[in-house]
Amino acid sequence: MSPAQLKELQELSHIFSQGKASPKQIQQLSALLAQINCYGEEGKAVANEQANFIRAPNFG
């Protein structure tokens, strides 16, 4: 999660905790969470790809 995403999430969280979220802010939160979730999945995919390229030791 980027610093900008974290800041936006904190701001939206504050608005939601006060019960003052508008439909636009609900959409913003949904989009932000989707971005964060996709970023996390991409990071896992990259880690898995890197793990797949680790060569086994050659004992022969």
Protein backbone atom coordinates (compact mmCIF):
# COMPACT_ATOMS: atom_id res chain seq x y z
CA MET A 1 0.00 0.00 0.00
CA SER A 2 1.40 3.36 -0.99
CA PRO A 3 1.58 6.30 1.42
CA ALA A 4 -1.09 8.11 -0.63
CA GLN A 5 -3.42 5.10 -0.39
CA LEU A 6 -2.82 4.86 3.35
CA LYS A 7 -3.64 8.55 3.82
CA GLU A 8 -6.84 8.23 1.76
CA LEU A 9 -7.85 5.12 3.70
CA GLN A 10 -7.31 6.91 7.01
CA GLU A 11 -9.38 9.90 5.87
CA LEU A 12 -12.22 7.70 4.64
CA SER A 13 -12.07 5.62 7.80
CA HIS A 14 -12.50 8.76 9.88
CA ILE A 15 -15.52 9.85 7.82
CA PHE A 16 -17.10 6.39 8.08
CA SER A 17 -16.51 6.23 11.84
CA GLN A 18 -18.50 9.46 12.19
CA GLY A 19 -21.34 8.00 10.12
CA LYS A 20 -21.05 10.79 7.55
CA ALA A 21 -20.06 8.84 4.44
CA SER A 22 -21.72 9.94 1.21
CA PRO A 23 -22.39 7.59 -1.72
CA LYS A 24 -19.34 9.11 -3.47
CA GLN A 25 -17.13 8.29 -0.47
CA ILE A 26 -18.49 4.75 -0.39
CA GLN A 27 -17.45 4.39 -4.04
CA GLN A 28 -14.03 5.88 -3.25
CA LEU A 29 -13.52 3.37 -0.44
CA SER A 30 -14.60 0.49 -2.66
CA ALA A 31 -12.20 1.55 -5.43
CA LEU A 32 -9.36 2.09 -2.97
CA LEU A 33 -9.83 -1.33 -1.39
CA ALA A 34 -9.91 -2.93 -4.85
CA GLN A 35 -6.61 -1.20 -5.72
CA ILE A 36 -5.01 -2.31 -2.48
CA ASN A 37 -6.29 -5.86 -2.93
CA CYS A 38 -5.06 -6.08 -6.53
CA TYR A 39 -1.67 -4.69 -5.54
CA GLY A 40 -1.38 -7.35 -2.86
CA GLU A 41 -2.27 -10.09 -5.35
CA GLU A 42 0.28 -8.78 -7.88
CA GLY A 43 2.94 -8.79 -5.20
CA LYS A 44 2.15 -12.40 -4.37
CA ALA A 45 2.26 -13.34 -8.06
CA VAL A 46 5.69 -11.74 -8.46
CA ALA A 47 6.97 -13.53 -5.35
CA ASN A 48 5.65 -16.84 -6.69
CA GLU A 49 7.27 -16.24 -10.09
CA GLN A 50 10.58 -15.47 -8.41
CA ALA A 51 10.29 -18.61 -6.31
CA ASN A 52 9.69 -20.67 -9.45
CA PHE A 53 13.01 -19.49 -10.90
CA ILE A 54 15.14 -20.61 -7.97
CA ARG A 55 17.30 -23.42 -9.28
CA ALA A 56 17.74 -26.59 -7.30
CA PRO A 57 21.31 -27.40 -6.29
CA ASN A 58 23.21 -29.75 -8.57
CA PHE A 59 24.70 -32.58 -6.52
CA GLY A 60 25.81 -34.63 -9.52
